[in-house]
């Protein structure tokens, strides 16, 4: 009895079920199949209310119509019901996360306008799985400049691709370049080692960059040396630091320290590197 009470309590919390709905569901768990009349008799719920209760249980993925003549109902196997519930919640969570991500730049921009003196409002730490979602959003929001510094892969890395290859989808990049060109915003890309970059970047992505270079919508420069951190600078006011390796997580808290504007420091770093770097041609000699 105590176990049943605990189960009912969890059902009420998890599925937001009423007492009547829980009573009907338990009857269907106990019995293979029941009609509305039988459910009304076993739960003491008026027959006129039974169908309303069953409809709610069906919407929660707990009950199904078993036969039509006579109309009988049964409980869906708990494992299947839970899998369905998890799938729906995961889908809802992904939709809400996507909506929140699309709102993030504009909300952050409003916050930045009011709190420019706070470092935390201008620097965002993001992991690899969010980079591909943030980039198209910032392409839409950029008004002046979009700078991307992409570091070389570490020698211990097992992947055969560059960080650039991991961050961009060729078809998406074409659209991003077109959007930036339409707004008069150029994409500046700074890489470390040109040879590594070309060797580890797919021919499709190289072709996309080559077309962008020809149209002068993007500029790519090689520093000729590696730098430790990949980052994106948007309109000189927002900076994203990309953490692509799990072993770098320990460094994230240190970067949250509030001091003199880290954005200005990165802008100075960018200007220094950009002046020193040389234009490249997308040909593998």
Protein backbone atom coordinates (compact mmCIF):
# COMPACT_ATOMS: atom_id res chain seq x y z
CA UNK A 1 0.00 0.00 0.00
CA UNK A 2 2.78 2.40 0.91
CA UNK A 3 4.52 1.63 -2.38
CA UNK A 4 1.31 2.35 -4.32
CA UNK A 5 0.95 5.67 -2.49
CA UNK A 6 4.51 6.64 -3.45
CA UNK A 7 3.88 5.64 -7.06
CA UNK A 8 0.69 7.71 -7.20
CA UNK A 9 2.54 10.68 -5.73
CA UNK A 10 5.22 10.45 -8.43
CA UNK A 11 2.58 10.13 -11.15
CA UNK A 12 0.91 13.26 -9.86
CA UNK A 13 4.20 15.17 -9.98
CA UNK A 14 5.56 13.74 -13.24
CA UNK A 15 2.42 13.67 -15.39
CA UNK A 16 0.41 16.30 -13.48
CA UNK A 17 -2.40 13.77 -13.01
CA UNK A 18 -5.47 14.36 -10.85
CA UNK A 19 -6.65 11.84 -8.24
CA UNK A 20 -9.42 10.62 -10.60
CA UNK A 21 -6.94 10.15 -13.44
CA UNK A 22 -4.56 8.19 -11.19
CA UNK A 23 -7.41 5.95 -9.98
CA UNK A 24 -8.49 5.15 -13.55
CA UNK A 25 -4.90 4.54 -14.64
CA UNK A 26 -4.31 2.11 -11.77
CA UNK A 27 -7.43 0.16 -12.69
CA UNK A 28 -6.17 -0.15 -16.25
CA UNK A 29 -2.76 -1.27 -15.01
CA UNK A 30 -4.36 -3.99 -12.89
CA UNK A 31 -6.82 -5.14 -15.54
CA UNK A 32 -5.99 -6.03 -19.13
CA UNK A 33 -8.84 -3.93 -20.56
CA UNK A 34 -11.97 -2.20 -19.27
CA UNK A 35 -14.98 -0.37 -20.69
CA UNK A 36 -16.00 3.08 -19.54
CA UNK A 37 -18.85 1.55 -17.55
CA UNK A 38 -16.50 -0.88 -15.79
CA UNK A 39 -14.08 1.94 -14.99
CA UNK A 40 -16.93 4.04 -13.60
CA UNK A 41 -18.03 1.19 -11.34
CA UNK A 42 -14.52 0.35 -10.05
CA UNK A 43 -13.48 3.97 -9.39
CA UNK A 44 -16.86 5.43 -8.33
CA UNK A 45 -16.42 8.19 -10.92
CA UNK A 46 -19.52 9.29 -12.81
CA UNK A 47 -19.68 7.73 -16.27
CA UNK A 48 -20.08 11.18 -17.84
CA UNK A 49 -16.66 12.13 -16.41
CA UNK A 50 -14.88 8.89 -17.32
CA UNK A 51 -14.33 9.82 -20.97
CA UNK A 52 -12.85 13.17 -19.97
CA UNK A 53 -10.42 11.36 -17.65
CA UNK A 54 -9.52 8.81 -20.34
CA UNK A 55 -8.89 11.58 -22.88
CA UNK A 56 -6.42 13.21 -20.49
CA UNK A 57 -4.62 9.90 -19.90
CA UNK A 58 -4.40 9.30 -23.67
CA UNK A 59 -2.91 12.76 -24.17
CA UNK A 60 -0.27 11.86 -21.57
CA UNK A 61 0.54 8.68 -23.50
CA UNK A 62 -0.57 6.36 -20.70
CA UNK A 63 -3.76 4.83 -22.13
CA UNK A 64 -4.95 3.62 -25.53
CA UNK A 65 -8.18 2.38 -27.11
CA UNK A 66 -7.94 -1.41 -27.16
CA UNK A 67 -11.13 -2.35 -29.04
CA UNK A 68 -14.08 -0.54 -30.63
CA UNK A 69 -16.98 -2.97 -30.14
CA UNK A 70 -17.28 -2.93 -27.25
CA UNK A 71 -15.17 0.21 -26.67
CA UNK A 72 -12.46 -0.94 -24.27
CA UNK A 73 -9.37 0.80 -22.97
CA UNK A 74 -6.05 -0.48 -21.67
CA UNK A 75 -2.87 0.92 -20.16
CA UNK A 76 0.12 1.29 -22.45
CA UNK A 77 3.14 -0.71 -21.24
CA UNK A 78 4.89 1.51 -18.64
CA UNK A 79 8.28 1.22 -20.36
CA UNK A 80 6.80 2.37 -23.68
CA UNK A 81 4.82 5.13 -21.95
CA UNK A 82 7.95 6.40 -20.20
CA UNK A 83 9.97 6.30 -23.44
CA UNK A 84 7.24 8.32 -25.16
CA UNK A 85 7.15 10.79 -22.28
CA UNK A 86 10.94 11.23 -22.37
CA UNK A 87 10.88 11.69 -26.14
CA UNK A 88 8.22 14.41 -25.93
CA UNK A 89 10.00 16.19 -23.06
CA UNK A 90 13.34 16.01 -24.89
CA UNK A 91 11.73 17.42 -28.04
CA UNK A 92 10.14 20.22 -26.01
CA UNK A 93 13.44 20.94 -24.26
CA UNK A 94 15.28 21.14 -27.62
CA UNK A 95 12.65 23.54 -28.99
CA UNK A 96 12.84 25.73 -25.89
CA UNK A 97 16.66 25.65 -25.99
CA UNK A 98 16.64 26.68 -29.64
CA UNK A 99 14.22 29.54 -28.91
CA UNK A 100 16.39 30.68 -26.02
CA UNK A 101 19.54 30.57 -28.15
CA UNK A 102 17.87 32.72 -30.82
CA UNK A 103 16.95 35.23 -28.13
CA UNK A 104 20.36 35.23 -26.45
CA UNK A 105 22.22 37.75 -28.69
CA UNK A 106 19.44 40.34 -28.60
CA UNK A 107 18.94 39.95 -24.84
CA UNK A 108 22.70 40.08 -24.32
CA UNK A 109 22.86 43.18 -26.51
CA UNK A 110 20.23 44.97 -24.40
CA UNK A 111 22.11 43.99 -21.26
CA UNK A 112 25.43 45.12 -22.73
CA UNK A 113 24.04 48.53 -23.63
CA UNK A 114 23.10 49.11 -19.99
CA UNK A 115 26.09 47.42 -18.37
CA UNK A 116 29.07 48.07 -20.62
CA UNK A 117 31.35 48.38 -17.59
CA UNK A 118 30.87 44.75 -16.58
CA UNK A 119 33.15 42.19 -18.19
CA UNK A 120 30.72 39.36 -17.65
CA UNK A 121 28.16 41.04 -19.93
CA UNK A 122 30.53 41.09 -22.88
CA UNK A 123 32.34 37.79 -22.70
CA UNK A 124 30.55 34.49 -23.28
CA UNK A 125 32.14 31.07 -22.90
CA UNK A 126 30.65 28.47 -25.23
CA UNK A 127 31.43 24.84 -25.91
CA UNK A 128 31.77 23.23 -29.32
CA UNK A 129 28.20 21.93 -29.48
CA UNK A 130 26.83 25.51 -29.26
CA UNK A 131 29.22 27.18 -31.72
CA UNK A 132 27.34 26.09 -34.84
CA UNK A 133 24.11 27.49 -33.39
CA UNK A 134 25.58 30.80 -32.20
CA UNK A 135 27.48 31.64 -35.41
CA UNK A 136 24.43 32.01 -37.74
CA UNK A 137 22.68 34.12 -35.09
CA UNK A 138 25.63 36.50 -34.78
CA UNK A 139 25.92 36.66 -38.58
CA UNK A 140 22.37 38.04 -38.54
CA UNK A 141 23.12 40.49 -35.71
CA UNK A 142 26.55 41.78 -36.80
CA UNK A 143 26.49 45.42 -37.92
CA UNK A 144 30.16 46.33 -38.46
CA UNK A 145 32.66 43.51 -38.10
CA UNK A 146 32.81 39.79 -37.51
CA UNK A 147 36.24 38.47 -36.55
CA UNK A 148 37.00 34.76 -36.18
CA UNK A 149 40.29 33.47 -34.78
CA UNK A 150 40.55 29.69 -35.26
CA UNK A 151 43.43 27.96 -33.54
CA UNK A 152 45.38 25.00 -34.93
CA UNK A 153 44.44 21.51 -33.69
CA UNK A 154 46.72 20.07 -31.04
CA UNK A 155 49.18 17.36 -32.15
CA UNK A 156 47.58 14.96 -29.69
CA UNK A 157 44.20 15.40 -31.34
CA UNK A 158 42.96 12.26 -33.06
CA UNK A 159 40.70 14.20 -35.40
CA UNK A 160 41.84 14.77 -38.97
CA UNK A 161 39.99 18.05 -39.30
CA UNK A 162 40.76 21.64 -38.40
CA UNK A 163 38.77 23.57 -35.83
CA UNK A 164 37.34 25.51 -38.77
CA UNK A 165 36.08 22.26 -40.32
CA UNK A 166 34.40 21.37 -37.02
CA UNK A 167 32.72 24.77 -36.66
CA UNK A 168 31.36 25.33 -40.16
CA UNK A 169 29.02 23.53 -42.52
CA UNK A 170 29.84 24.54 -46.14
CA UNK A 171 26.21 25.16 -47.16
CA UNK A 172 25.59 27.23 -44.04
CA UNK A 173 28.80 29.19 -44.58
CA UNK A 174 27.72 30.17 -48.12
CA UNK A 175 24.49 31.63 -46.71
CA UNK A 176 26.38 33.37 -43.90
CA UNK A 177 28.77 35.01 -46.37
CA UNK A 178 25.86 36.15 -48.54
CA UNK A 179 24.04 37.60 -45.52
CA UNK A 180 27.15 39.47 -44.37
CA UNK A 181 27.78 40.80 -47.89
CA UNK A 182 24.19 42.04 -48.17
CA UNK A 183 24.64 44.03 -44.94
CA UNK A 184 28.10 45.30 -45.90
CA UNK A 185 29.76 43.34 -43.10
CA UNK A 186 32.97 41.46 -43.88
CA UNK A 187 34.01 38.20 -42.29
CA UNK A 188 37.65 38.25 -41.16
CA UNK A 189 39.17 34.84 -40.43
CA UNK A 190 42.53 34.44 -38.74
CA UNK A 191 44.23 31.05 -38.73
CA UNK A 192 47.54 29.85 -37.31
CA UNK A 193 49.40 27.42 -39.56
CA UNK A 194 48.35 27.70 -43.22
CA UNK A 195 49.73 24.30 -44.25
CA UNK A 196 47.86 22.46 -41.47
CA UNK A 197 44.72 24.43 -42.24
CA UNK A 198 44.70 23.48 -45.93
CA UNK A 199 45.67 19.85 -45.32
CA UNK A 200 42.91 19.31 -42.77
CA UNK A 201 40.09 21.24 -44.44
CA UNK A 202 37.77 19.48 -46.89
CA UNK A 203 37.89 20.45 -50.58
CA UNK A 204 34.22 21.52 -50.40
CA UNK A 205 34.91 23.95 -47.56
CA UNK A 206 38.09 25.17 -49.26
CA UNK A 207 36.07 25.92 -52.40
CA UNK A 208 33.54 27.89 -50.37
CA UNK A 209 36.32 29.97 -48.83
CA UNK A 210 37.99 30.44 -52.21
CA UNK A 211 34.75 31.82 -53.70
CA UNK A 212 34.36 34.11 -50.70
CA UNK A 213 37.91 35.40 -51.17
CA UNK A 214 37.31 36.08 -54.87
CA UNK A 215 34.16 38.03 -54.12
CA UNK A 216 36.01 39.92 -51.35
CA UNK A 217 33.21 39.11 -48.92
CA UNK A 218 35.69 37.45 -46.60
CA UNK A 219 39.36 37.87 -45.81
CA UNK A 220 41.49 35.01 -44.54
CA UNK A 221 44.95 35.53 -43.08
CA UNK A 222 47.53 33.18 -41.61
CA UNK A 223 49.56 34.20 -38.59
CA UNK A 224 52.25 31.64 -39.34
CA UNK A 225 52.26 30.60 -35.72
CA UNK A 226 49.78 28.98 -33.34
CA UNK A 227 47.71 30.86 -30.80
CA UNK A 228 46.08 29.23 -27.76
CA UNK A 229 42.44 30.29 -27.96
CA UNK A 230 39.74 30.27 -30.63
CA UNK A 231 37.35 33.19 -30.32
CA UNK A 232 34.83 35.36 -32.16
CA UNK A 233 34.56 39.12 -31.82
CA UNK A 234 31.34 40.82 -32.94
CA UNK A 235 31.17 44.59 -33.56
CA UNK A 236 33.98 45.18 -31.04
CA UNK A 237 31.51 44.69 -28.16
CA UNK A 238 30.78 40.97 -27.84
CA UNK A 239 33.30 38.20 -27.58
CA UNK A 240 32.81 34.44 -27.57
CA UNK A 241 35.55 32.15 -26.35
CA UNK A 242 35.33 28.68 -27.88
CA UNK A 243 36.17 25.75 -25.63
CA UNK A 244 36.51 22.82 -28.00
CA UNK A 245 38.34 20.37 -25.73
CA UNK A 246 37.02 19.04 -22.43
CA UNK A 247 40.41 19.41 -20.77
CA UNK A 248 40.10 23.16 -21.07
CA UNK A 249 37.05 23.36 -18.82
CA UNK A 250 39.26 24.03 -15.82
CA UNK A 251 40.38 27.30 -17.39
CA UNK A 252 36.88 28.71 -17.83
CA UNK A 253 36.42 30.09 -14.31
CA UNK A 254 39.68 32.04 -14.51
CA UNK A 255 38.37 33.86 -17.58
CA UNK A 256 35.34 35.07 -15.63
CA UNK A 257 37.48 37.30 -13.43
CA UNK A 258 36.36 40.93 -13.68
CA UNK A 259 39.28 43.18 -14.51
CA UNK A 260 40.00 45.83 -17.15
CA UNK A 261 38.06 45.19 -20.36
CA UNK A 262 39.12 41.82 -21.74
CA UNK A 263 37.26 42.69 -24.93
CA UNK A 264 39.59 45.62 -25.55
CA UNK A 265 42.56 43.36 -24.88
CA UNK A 266 41.37 40.86 -27.47
CA UNK A 267 40.69 43.67 -29.94
CA UNK A 268 44.26 44.88 -29.48
CA UNK A 269 45.48 41.30 -29.90
CA UNK A 270 43.43 40.94 -33.07
CA UNK A 271 44.78 44.17 -34.57
CA UNK A 272 48.35 43.09 -33.80
CA UNK A 273 47.92 39.63 -35.30
CA UNK A 274 45.95 40.87 -38.30
CA UNK A 275 48.60 43.41 -39.23
CA UNK A 276 51.33 40.79 -39.00
CA UNK A 277 49.46 38.06 -40.87
CA UNK A 278 49.73 37.49 -44.64
CA UNK A 279 46.87 36.89 -47.13
CA UNK A 280 46.62 33.27 -48.31
CA UNK A 281 45.44 31.50 -51.45
CA UNK A 282 43.37 28.34 -51.12
CA UNK A 283 45.70 26.08 -53.08
CA UNK A 284 47.47 23.02 -51.70
CA UNK A 285 50.98 22.98 -53.16
